[in-house]
């Protein structure tokens, strides 16, 4: 019979993996979505979260959704997308906007490990990422959707993107490690 694992049993089975991912949250309005991003950052072992906002963030609301992950994941609050993109590029990350646009490629059609370190940018719940982010990032990806709607909740979209990017990076790192072991 199959049994659900508790947190302690899960920790014993958990794979340790350091991703090369930064999340940029551009002008999110809902603290719950920011909290969800922190929880996802923990789940996928993201290196940092850059929160671009001109408003105050409500850490109490964020903490409820994040289950206190904002206390364990590094983050910075910035006032402009230009600052955020400069920071990630200076650290060797490739900024990639998660947005449906005329030159976006399907998330499923690229191997993100080929880009190296990735900074995934998600935008405002109503308006998506800004024109400035699209202009500065150069790479744009979207999630294939098959229903009537052309968008989904930003936290859900981020979860899908983080899964794909981390899987691509994980597979590449393990293939390289396996090659190194076999070549002795």
N, C-alpha and C. Protein backbone atom coordinates (compact mmCIF):
# COMPACT_ATOMS: atom_id res chain seq x y z
N UNK A 1 0.83 -1.18 0.00
CA UNK A 1 0.00 0.00 0.00
C UNK A 1 0.89 1.25 0.00
N UNK A 2 0.52 2.24 -0.76
CA UNK A 2 1.28 3.48 -0.86
C UNK A 2 0.88 4.43 0.27
N UNK A 3 1.89 5.12 0.84
CA UNK A 3 1.64 6.07 1.92
C UNK A 3 2.29 7.41 1.57
N UNK A 4 1.58 8.45 1.95
CA UNK A 4 2.14 9.79 1.76
C UNK A 4 3.32 9.97 2.71
N UNK A 5 4.39 10.63 2.23
CA UNK A 5 5.55 10.86 3.08
C UNK A 5 5.34 12.10 3.93
N UNK A 6 5.82 12.03 5.17
CA UNK A 6 5.83 13.25 5.97
C UNK A 6 7.09 14.04 5.60
N UNK A 7 7.25 15.22 6.18
CA UNK A 7 8.36 16.09 5.82
C UNK A 7 9.72 15.45 6.08
N UNK A 8 9.83 14.68 7.14
CA UNK A 8 11.11 14.06 7.49
C UNK A 8 11.47 12.95 6.50
N UNK A 9 10.51 12.14 6.13
CA UNK A 9 10.76 11.07 5.15
C UNK A 9 11.07 11.68 3.78
N UNK A 10 10.38 12.76 3.45
CA UNK A 10 10.65 13.43 2.18
C UNK A 10 12.09 13.94 2.13
N UNK A 11 12.55 14.54 3.22
CA UNK A 11 13.92 15.08 3.26
C UNK A 11 14.95 14.00 2.97
N UNK A 12 14.70 12.78 3.39
CA UNK A 12 15.63 11.67 3.15
C UNK A 12 15.69 11.31 1.66
N UNK A 13 14.57 11.49 0.95
CA UNK A 13 14.51 11.14 -0.47
C UNK A 13 14.83 12.32 -1.39
N UNK A 14 14.86 13.52 -0.82
CA UNK A 14 14.98 14.73 -1.62
C UNK A 14 16.32 14.78 -2.36
N UNK A 15 16.25 15.19 -3.61
CA UNK A 15 17.44 15.38 -4.43
C UNK A 15 17.98 16.77 -4.14
N UNK A 16 19.28 16.86 -3.92
CA UNK A 16 19.91 18.17 -3.70
C UNK A 16 20.38 18.70 -5.04
N UNK A 17 19.95 19.89 -5.38
CA UNK A 17 20.29 20.49 -6.66
C UNK A 17 20.31 21.99 -6.53
N UNK A 18 21.39 22.61 -6.94
CA UNK A 18 21.49 24.06 -6.94
C UNK A 18 21.19 24.56 -8.34
N UNK A 19 20.06 25.21 -8.50
CA UNK A 19 19.69 25.73 -9.81
C UNK A 19 20.44 27.02 -10.08
N UNK A 20 20.51 27.38 -11.33
CA UNK A 20 21.09 28.65 -11.75
C UNK A 20 19.96 29.54 -12.24
N UNK A 21 19.06 29.88 -11.32
CA UNK A 21 17.86 30.64 -11.66
C UNK A 21 17.68 31.79 -10.67
N UNK A 22 17.30 32.94 -11.22
CA UNK A 22 16.82 34.07 -10.43
C UNK A 22 15.43 34.40 -10.93
N UNK A 23 14.55 34.79 -10.01
CA UNK A 23 13.20 35.23 -10.37
C UNK A 23 13.15 36.75 -10.28
N UNK A 24 12.59 37.37 -11.31
CA UNK A 24 12.30 38.81 -11.26
C UNK A 24 10.78 38.96 -11.30
N UNK A 25 10.23 39.56 -10.25
CA UNK A 25 8.80 39.84 -10.17
C UNK A 25 8.62 41.32 -10.49
N UNK A 26 7.98 41.61 -11.62
CA UNK A 26 7.84 42.99 -12.03
C UNK A 26 6.43 43.52 -11.74
N UNK A 27 6.36 44.41 -10.79
CA UNK A 27 5.13 45.13 -10.46
C UNK A 27 3.93 44.24 -10.14
N UNK A 28 4.16 43.15 -9.39
CA UNK A 28 3.03 42.34 -8.94
C UNK A 28 2.25 43.12 -7.90
N UNK A 29 0.94 43.04 -7.97
CA UNK A 29 0.08 43.81 -7.08
C UNK A 29 -0.41 43.02 -5.88
N UNK A 30 -0.44 41.71 -5.99
CA UNK A 30 -1.04 40.88 -4.94
C UNK A 30 0.05 40.17 -4.13
N UNK A 31 0.04 40.45 -2.84
CA UNK A 31 1.03 39.85 -1.93
C UNK A 31 1.00 38.33 -1.98
N UNK A 32 -0.18 37.77 -2.22
CA UNK A 32 -0.30 36.30 -2.28
C UNK A 32 0.53 35.74 -3.44
N UNK A 33 0.57 36.45 -4.56
CA UNK A 33 1.39 35.98 -5.68
C UNK A 33 2.87 36.11 -5.37
N UNK A 34 3.26 37.15 -4.67
CA UNK A 34 4.66 37.30 -4.26
C UNK A 34 5.01 36.18 -3.28
N UNK A 35 4.11 35.90 -2.34
CA UNK A 35 4.33 34.80 -1.40
C UNK A 35 4.45 33.46 -2.10
N UNK A 36 3.62 33.25 -3.11
CA UNK A 36 3.71 32.01 -3.88
C UNK A 36 5.05 31.91 -4.60
N UNK A 37 5.55 33.04 -5.08
CA UNK A 37 6.86 33.05 -5.75
C UNK A 37 7.97 32.65 -4.78
N UNK A 38 7.88 33.10 -3.53
CA UNK A 38 8.87 32.69 -2.53
C UNK A 38 8.80 31.18 -2.28
N UNK A 39 7.60 30.67 -2.19
CA UNK A 39 7.44 29.23 -1.95
C UNK A 39 7.99 28.42 -3.13
N UNK A 40 7.75 28.91 -4.34
CA UNK A 40 8.31 28.26 -5.53
C UNK A 40 9.82 28.39 -5.56
N UNK A 41 10.33 29.54 -5.16
CA UNK A 41 11.78 29.74 -5.12
C UNK A 41 12.44 28.73 -4.19
N UNK A 42 11.79 28.45 -3.09
CA UNK A 42 12.30 27.44 -2.17
C UNK A 42 12.22 26.04 -2.80
N UNK A 43 11.08 25.74 -3.40
CA UNK A 43 10.89 24.40 -3.99
C UNK A 43 11.91 24.10 -5.08
N UNK A 44 12.26 25.12 -5.88
CA UNK A 44 13.18 24.91 -7.00
C UNK A 44 14.59 25.41 -6.68
N UNK A 45 14.84 25.76 -5.42
CA UNK A 45 16.14 26.22 -4.95
C UNK A 45 16.69 27.36 -5.81
N UNK A 46 15.85 28.33 -6.07
CA UNK A 46 16.22 29.51 -6.83
C UNK A 46 17.22 30.33 -6.03
N UNK A 47 18.15 30.99 -6.71
CA UNK A 47 19.22 31.71 -6.03
C UNK A 47 18.78 33.03 -5.40
N UNK A 48 17.85 33.73 -6.02
CA UNK A 48 17.46 35.05 -5.53
C UNK A 48 16.13 35.44 -6.16
N UNK A 49 15.43 36.34 -5.49
CA UNK A 49 14.22 36.94 -6.04
C UNK A 49 14.44 38.45 -6.06
N UNK A 50 14.21 39.06 -7.19
CA UNK A 50 14.26 40.51 -7.31
C UNK A 50 12.82 40.99 -7.47
N UNK A 51 12.36 41.80 -6.54
CA UNK A 51 11.00 42.30 -6.56
C UNK A 51 11.06 43.75 -7.04
N UNK A 52 10.51 43.99 -8.22
CA UNK A 52 10.48 45.34 -8.78
C UNK A 52 9.12 45.93 -8.46
N UNK A 53 9.12 47.01 -7.67
CA UNK A 53 7.86 47.64 -7.28
C UNK A 53 8.11 49.07 -6.84
N UNK A 54 7.12 49.88 -7.01
CA UNK A 54 7.17 51.25 -6.49
C UNK A 54 6.34 51.34 -5.21
N UNK A 55 5.69 50.25 -4.83
CA UNK A 55 4.84 50.20 -3.64
C UNK A 55 5.56 49.48 -2.51
N UNK A 56 5.03 49.63 -1.31
CA UNK A 56 5.51 48.86 -0.17
C UNK A 56 5.05 47.41 -0.33
N UNK A 57 5.88 46.47 0.09
CA UNK A 57 5.43 45.09 0.09
C UNK A 57 4.94 44.73 1.49
N UNK A 58 3.91 43.91 1.56
CA UNK A 58 3.30 43.51 2.81
C UNK A 58 3.86 42.15 3.23
N UNK A 59 4.93 42.19 4.03
CA UNK A 59 5.60 40.95 4.42
C UNK A 59 4.71 40.02 5.23
N UNK A 60 3.76 40.58 5.97
CA UNK A 60 2.86 39.73 6.76
C UNK A 60 1.99 38.87 5.83
N UNK A 61 1.42 39.49 4.78
CA UNK A 61 0.61 38.74 3.82
C UNK A 61 1.48 37.78 3.01
N UNK A 62 2.65 38.24 2.62
CA UNK A 62 3.58 37.39 1.85
C UNK A 62 3.94 36.16 2.66
N UNK A 63 4.21 36.35 3.94
CA UNK A 63 4.62 35.25 4.82
C UNK A 63 3.55 34.18 4.95
N UNK A 64 2.28 34.59 4.97
CA UNK A 64 1.20 33.60 5.06
C UNK A 64 1.20 32.65 3.88
N UNK A 65 1.39 33.20 2.69
CA UNK A 65 1.38 32.36 1.48
C UNK A 65 2.69 31.62 1.32
N UNK A 66 3.79 32.27 1.68
CA UNK A 66 5.11 31.67 1.43
C UNK A 66 5.48 30.61 2.47
N UNK A 67 4.72 30.53 3.53
CA UNK A 67 5.04 29.64 4.66
C UNK A 67 6.44 29.93 5.18
N UNK A 68 6.72 31.23 5.30
CA UNK A 68 7.97 31.76 5.85
C UNK A 68 9.20 31.56 4.97
N UNK A 69 8.99 31.22 3.70
CA UNK A 69 10.14 31.07 2.80
C UNK A 69 10.85 32.40 2.54
N UNK A 70 10.18 33.52 2.80
CA UNK A 70 10.83 34.82 2.63
C UNK A 70 11.94 35.01 3.67
N UNK A 71 11.95 34.16 4.70
CA UNK A 71 13.00 34.22 5.71
C UNK A 71 14.23 33.40 5.33
N UNK A 72 14.08 32.51 4.34
CA UNK A 72 15.20 31.65 3.97
C UNK A 72 15.71 31.87 2.55
N UNK A 73 14.94 32.54 1.72
CA UNK A 73 15.38 32.81 0.34
C UNK A 73 15.81 34.27 0.24
N UNK A 74 16.98 34.52 -0.33
CA UNK A 74 17.41 35.92 -0.48
C UNK A 74 16.53 36.67 -1.48
N UNK A 75 16.31 37.94 -1.17
CA UNK A 75 15.53 38.77 -2.09
C UNK A 75 15.96 40.22 -1.95
N UNK A 76 15.68 40.99 -2.99
CA UNK A 76 15.95 42.42 -3.01
C UNK A 76 14.71 43.11 -3.57
N UNK A 77 14.41 44.27 -3.04
CA UNK A 77 13.33 45.09 -3.57
C UNK A 77 13.97 46.25 -4.33
N UNK A 78 13.58 46.38 -5.59
CA UNK A 78 14.15 47.40 -6.47
C UNK A 78 13.05 48.28 -7.03
N UNK A 79 13.42 49.46 -7.51
CA UNK A 79 12.40 50.38 -8.01
C UNK A 79 12.24 50.35 -9.52
N UNK A 80 13.15 49.65 -10.25
CA UNK A 80 13.00 49.65 -11.71
C UNK A 80 13.44 48.33 -12.32
N UNK A 81 12.82 48.01 -13.43
CA UNK A 81 13.19 46.79 -14.17
C UNK A 81 14.60 46.94 -14.75
N UNK A 82 14.99 48.16 -15.08
CA UNK A 82 16.35 48.39 -15.60
C UNK A 82 17.39 47.97 -14.57
N UNK A 83 17.17 48.33 -13.29
CA UNK A 83 18.07 47.92 -12.21
C UNK A 83 18.15 46.40 -12.13
N UNK A 84 16.99 45.76 -12.14
CA UNK A 84 16.93 44.30 -11.98
C UNK A 84 17.68 43.60 -13.12
N UNK A 85 17.43 44.03 -14.33
CA UNK A 85 18.07 43.36 -15.48
C UNK A 85 19.58 43.62 -15.48
N UNK A 86 20.00 44.80 -15.09
CA UNK A 86 21.44 45.08 -15.00
C UNK A 86 22.11 44.17 -13.97
N UNK A 87 21.46 44.02 -12.82
CA UNK A 87 22.01 43.15 -11.76
C UNK A 87 22.19 41.73 -12.26
N UNK A 88 21.15 41.17 -12.89
CA UNK A 88 21.26 39.76 -13.31
C UNK A 88 22.27 39.61 -14.45
N UNK A 89 22.29 40.55 -15.37
CA UNK A 89 23.27 40.46 -16.46
C UNK A 89 24.69 40.59 -15.92
N UNK A 90 24.91 41.47 -14.96
CA UNK A 90 26.24 41.60 -14.35
C UNK A 90 26.68 40.32 -13.65
N UNK A 91 25.71 39.53 -13.20
CA UNK A 91 26.02 38.25 -12.54
C UNK A 91 26.04 37.07 -13.53
N UNK A 92 25.90 37.36 -14.83
CA UNK A 92 26.00 36.32 -15.85
C UNK A 92 24.72 35.59 -16.17
N UNK A 93 23.59 36.13 -15.74
CA UNK A 93 22.29 35.51 -16.02
C UNK A 93 21.72 36.05 -17.32
N UNK A 94 20.99 35.21 -18.03
CA UNK A 94 20.28 35.62 -19.23
C UNK A 94 18.84 35.95 -18.84
N UNK A 95 18.41 37.22 -18.99
CA UNK A 95 17.03 37.55 -18.66
C UNK A 95 16.06 37.04 -19.72
N UNK A 96 15.01 36.36 -19.27
CA UNK A 96 14.00 35.79 -20.17
C UNK A 96 12.63 36.19 -19.64
N UNK A 97 11.86 36.90 -20.48
CA UNK A 97 10.49 37.28 -20.09
C UNK A 97 9.53 36.13 -20.36
N UNK A 98 8.67 35.86 -19.39
CA UNK A 98 7.59 34.90 -19.57
C UNK A 98 6.37 35.71 -19.99
N UNK A 99 6.15 35.80 -21.30
CA UNK A 99 5.10 36.65 -21.85
C UNK A 99 4.77 36.20 -23.27
N UNK A 100 3.50 36.18 -23.60
CA UNK A 100 3.08 35.90 -24.97
C UNK A 100 3.29 37.17 -25.77
N UNK A 101 4.14 37.11 -26.79
CA UNK A 101 4.35 38.28 -27.66
C UNK A 101 4.72 37.79 -29.06
N UNK A 102 4.85 38.70 -29.98
CA UNK A 102 5.02 38.31 -31.38
C UNK A 102 6.30 37.52 -31.66
N UNK A 103 7.31 37.64 -30.79
CA UNK A 103 8.54 36.88 -31.04
C UNK A 103 8.84 35.86 -29.93
N UNK A 104 7.83 35.54 -29.10
CA UNK A 104 8.08 34.57 -28.03
C UNK A 104 8.12 33.15 -28.58
N UNK A 105 8.95 32.33 -27.94
CA UNK A 105 9.03 30.91 -28.30
C UNK A 105 8.34 30.09 -27.22
N UNK A 106 7.89 28.92 -27.60
CA UNK A 106 7.22 28.04 -26.66
C UNK A 106 8.21 27.55 -25.60
N UNK A 107 7.80 27.61 -24.36
CA UNK A 107 8.60 27.13 -23.24
C UNK A 107 9.08 25.71 -23.48
N UNK A 108 8.23 24.91 -24.11
CA UNK A 108 8.57 23.49 -24.30
C UNK A 108 9.53 23.26 -25.47
N UNK A 109 9.77 24.27 -26.30
CA UNK A 109 10.60 24.08 -27.49
C UNK A 109 12.07 24.43 -27.32
N UNK A 110 12.48 24.86 -26.15
CA UNK A 110 13.87 25.23 -25.92
C UNK A 110 14.42 24.47 -24.73
N UNK A 111 15.72 24.22 -24.79
CA UNK A 111 16.42 23.66 -23.64
C UNK A 111 17.08 24.83 -22.92
N UNK A 112 16.54 25.18 -21.77
CA UNK A 112 17.03 26.36 -21.05
C UNK A 112 18.45 26.17 -20.51
N UNK A 113 18.91 24.95 -20.42
CA UNK A 113 20.29 24.72 -20.00
C UNK A 113 21.26 25.31 -21.02
N UNK A 114 20.82 25.42 -22.27
CA UNK A 114 21.67 26.02 -23.31
C UNK A 114 21.92 27.51 -23.06
N UNK A 115 21.05 28.15 -22.28
CA UNK A 115 21.22 29.58 -21.98
C UNK A 115 22.14 29.81 -20.79
N UNK A 116 22.48 28.74 -20.05
CA UNK A 116 23.29 28.90 -18.85
C UNK A 116 22.40 29.34 -17.69
N UNK A 117 22.83 30.38 -17.00
CA UNK A 117 22.08 30.90 -15.86
C UNK A 117 20.92 31.75 -16.38
N UNK A 118 19.72 31.52 -15.83
CA UNK A 118 18.50 32.15 -16.34
C UNK A 118 17.84 33.01 -15.26
N UNK A 119 17.47 34.22 -15.66
CA UNK A 119 16.64 35.09 -14.81
C UNK A 119 15.27 35.15 -15.47
N UNK A 120 14.28 34.52 -14.86
CA UNK A 120 12.94 34.49 -15.45
C UNK A 120 12.14 35.69 -14.92
N UNK A 121 11.57 36.44 -15.83
CA UNK A 121 10.83 37.66 -15.49
C UNK A 121 9.34 37.41 -15.68
N UNK A 122 8.57 37.63 -14.62
CA UNK A 122 7.11 37.57 -14.72
C UNK A 122 6.57 38.94 -14.34
N UNK A 123 5.43 39.28 -14.94
CA UNK A 123 4.91 40.63 -14.78
C UNK A 123 3.59 40.72 -14.06
N UNK A 124 3.11 41.92 -14.05
CA UNK A 124 1.88 42.32 -13.39
C UNK A 124 0.71 41.41 -13.76
N UNK A 125 -0.14 41.17 -12.76
CA UNK A 125 -1.27 40.26 -12.93
C UNK A 125 -2.21 40.67 -14.06
N UNK A 126 -2.38 41.93 -14.30
CA UNK A 126 -3.28 42.39 -15.36
C UNK A 126 -2.56 42.68 -16.67
N UNK A 127 -1.39 43.29 -16.58
CA UNK A 127 -0.73 43.81 -17.78
C UNK A 127 0.49 43.02 -18.24
N UNK A 128 0.89 42.02 -17.49
CA UNK A 128 2.07 41.24 -17.87
C UNK A 128 3.35 42.03 -17.65
N UNK A 129 4.42 41.63 -18.33
CA UNK A 129 5.69 42.34 -18.20
C UNK A 129 5.61 43.64 -19.00
N UNK A 130 6.41 44.59 -18.61
CA UNK A 130 6.38 45.91 -19.27
C UNK A 130 7.08 45.87 -20.63
N UNK A 131 6.78 46.86 -21.43
CA UNK A 131 7.48 47.02 -22.72
C UNK A 131 8.99 47.16 -22.49
N UNK A 132 9.38 47.85 -21.43
CA UNK A 132 10.80 48.04 -21.11
C UNK A 132 11.46 46.69 -20.82
N UNK A 133 10.78 45.84 -20.08
CA UNK A 133 11.34 44.50 -19.79
C UNK A 133 11.49 43.70 -21.08
N UNK A 134 10.48 43.77 -21.94
CA UNK A 134 10.56 43.06 -23.22
C UNK A 134 11.73 43.58 -24.06
N UNK A 135 11.90 44.88 -24.07
CA UNK A 135 12.98 45.50 -24.84
C UNK A 135 14.36 45.09 -24.31
N UNK A 136 14.51 45.10 -22.99
CA UNK A 136 15.82 44.84 -22.39
C UNK A 136 16.17 43.35 -22.32
N UNK A 137 15.17 42.49 -22.31
CA UNK A 137 15.45 41.06 -22.10
C UNK A 137 15.85 40.30 -23.35
N UNK A 138 15.37 40.67 -24.49
CA UNK A 138 15.69 40.05 -25.78
C UNK A 138 15.11 38.64 -25.97
N UNK A 139 15.03 37.84 -24.92
CA UNK A 139 14.44 36.50 -25.03
C UNK A 139 13.07 36.50 -24.35
N UNK A 140 12.09 35.95 -25.08
CA UNK A 140 10.71 35.92 -24.58
C UNK A 140 10.14 34.53 -24.81
N UNK A 141 9.53 33.99 -23.78
CA UNK A 141 8.95 32.66 -23.90
C UNK A 141 7.51 32.69 -23.41
N UNK A 142 6.73 31.72 -23.87
CA UNK A 142 5.33 31.62 -23.43
C UNK A 142 5.00 30.15 -23.16
N UNK A 143 3.93 29.96 -22.43
CA UNK A 143 3.43 28.62 -22.13
C UNK A 143 2.32 28.31 -23.12
N UNK A 144 2.44 27.19 -23.83
CA UNK A 144 1.38 26.78 -24.74
C UNK A 144 0.11 26.52 -23.93
N UNK A 145 -0.98 27.09 -24.38
CA UNK A 145 -2.27 26.90 -23.72
C UNK A 145 -3.28 26.46 -24.78
N UNK A 146 -4.19 25.61 -24.39
CA UNK A 146 -5.06 24.97 -25.37
C UNK A 146 -6.54 25.28 -25.17
N UNK A 147 -6.86 26.08 -24.17
CA UNK A 147 -8.26 26.44 -23.92
C UNK A 147 -8.59 27.79 -24.54
N UNK A 148 -9.61 28.41 -24.03
CA UNK A 148 -10.07 29.69 -24.55
C UNK A 148 -9.30 30.89 -24.02
N UNK A 149 -8.77 30.78 -22.82
CA UNK A 149 -8.10 31.91 -22.20
C UNK A 149 -6.70 32.09 -22.76
N UNK A 150 -6.21 33.33 -22.76
CA UNK A 150 -4.86 33.59 -23.26
C UNK A 150 -3.87 33.87 -22.14
N UNK A 151 -4.31 33.70 -20.89
CA UNK A 151 -3.39 33.93 -19.77
C UNK A 151 -3.77 33.02 -18.61
N UNK A 152 -2.86 32.97 -17.62
CA UNK A 152 -3.13 32.22 -16.40
C UNK A 152 -2.55 32.99 -15.23
N UNK A 153 -2.88 32.59 -14.04
CA UNK A 153 -2.36 33.22 -12.84
C UNK A 153 -0.84 33.26 -12.89
N UNK A 154 -0.26 34.38 -12.48
CA UNK A 154 1.19 34.58 -12.57
C UNK A 154 1.96 33.53 -11.76
N UNK A 155 1.47 33.16 -10.60
CA UNK A 155 2.17 32.15 -9.79
C UNK A 155 2.11 30.77 -10.46
N UNK A 156 0.98 30.44 -11.08
CA UNK A 156 0.88 29.17 -11.80
C UNK A 156 1.83 29.15 -12.99
N UNK A 157 1.87 30.24 -13.73
CA UNK A 157 2.77 30.33 -14.88
C UNK A 157 4.22 30.23 -14.43
N UNK A 158 4.56 30.91 -13.33
CA UNK A 158 5.92 30.85 -12.81
C UNK A 158 6.29 29.42 -12.42
N UNK A 159 5.36 28.71 -11.80
CA UNK A 159 5.62 27.32 -11.40
C UNK A 159 5.95 26.45 -12.61
N UNK A 160 5.19 26.60 -13.67
CA UNK A 160 5.44 25.82 -14.89
C UNK A 160 6.80 26.16 -15.46
N UNK A 161 7.11 27.44 -15.54
CA UNK A 161 8.40 27.87 -16.10
C UNK A 161 9.57 27.39 -15.24
N UNK A 162 9.46 27.52 -13.92
CA UNK A 162 10.54 27.07 -13.04
C UNK A 162 10.76 25.57 -13.16
N UNK A 163 9.69 24.82 -13.27
CA UNK A 163 9.83 23.37 -13.43
C UNK A 163 10.62 23.06 -14.71
N UNK A 164 10.23 23.67 -15.82
CA UNK A 164 10.89 23.40 -17.10
C UNK A 164 12.36 23.82 -17.06
N UNK A 165 12.63 25.02 -16.59
CA UNK A 165 14.01 25.52 -16.56
C UNK A 165 14.88 24.67 -15.64
N UNK A 166 14.37 24.36 -14.45
CA UNK A 166 15.17 23.57 -13.50
C UNK A 166 15.39 22.15 -14.00
N UNK A 167 14.39 21.56 -14.65
CA UNK A 167 14.58 20.22 -15.21
C UNK A 167 15.65 20.22 -16.29
N UNK A 168 15.62 21.22 -17.17
CA UNK A 168 16.65 21.32 -18.22
C UNK A 168 18.03 21.46 -17.60
N UNK A 169 18.17 22.32 -16.59
CA UNK A 169 19.47 22.51 -15.94
C UNK A 169 19.90 21.26 -15.20
N UNK A 170 18.96 20.63 -14.50
CA UNK A 170 19.26 19.41 -13.74
C UNK A 170 19.75 18.30 -14.65
N UNK A 171 19.04 18.09 -15.75
CA UNK A 171 19.44 17.02 -16.68
C UNK A 171 20.81 17.28 -17.27
N UNK A 172 21.09 18.51 -17.66
CA UNK A 172 22.39 18.83 -18.23
C UNK A 172 23.51 18.62 -17.21
N UNK A 173 23.30 19.09 -15.98
CA UNK A 173 24.33 18.93 -14.95
C UNK A 173 24.57 17.47 -14.63
N UNK A 174 23.51 16.67 -14.58
CA UNK A 174 23.68 15.25 -14.29
C UNK A 174 24.31 14.51 -15.46
N UNK A 175 24.01 14.89 -16.68
CA UNK A 175 24.65 14.26 -17.84
C UNK A 175 26.15 14.56 -17.82
N UNK A 176 26.51 15.80 -17.53
CA UNK A 176 27.93 16.17 -17.45
C UNK A 176 28.61 15.40 -16.33
N UNK A 177 27.95 15.32 -15.17
CA UNK A 177 28.51 14.58 -14.03
C UNK A 177 28.69 13.10 -14.39
N UNK A 178 27.68 12.50 -15.04
CA UNK A 178 27.79 11.10 -15.46
C UNK A 178 28.94 10.89 -16.46
N UNK A 179 29.11 11.84 -17.37
CA UNK A 179 30.21 11.76 -18.32
C UNK A 179 31.56 11.84 -17.64
N UNK A 180 31.67 12.72 -16.65
CA UNK A 180 32.92 12.87 -15.90
C UNK A 180 33.25 11.60 -15.13
N UNK A 181 32.23 10.98 -14.55
CA UNK A 181 32.43 9.74 -13.79
C UNK A 181 32.84 8.61 -14.73
N UNK A 182 32.17 8.50 -15.88
CA UNK A 182 32.48 7.41 -16.81
C UNK A 182 33.84 7.60 -17.50
N UNK A 183 34.29 8.86 -17.64
CA UNK A 183 35.61 9.11 -18.25
C UNK A 183 36.73 9.11 -17.22
N UNK A 184 36.34 8.95 -15.96
CA UNK A 184 37.26 8.79 -14.86
C UNK A 184 38.23 9.86 -14.68
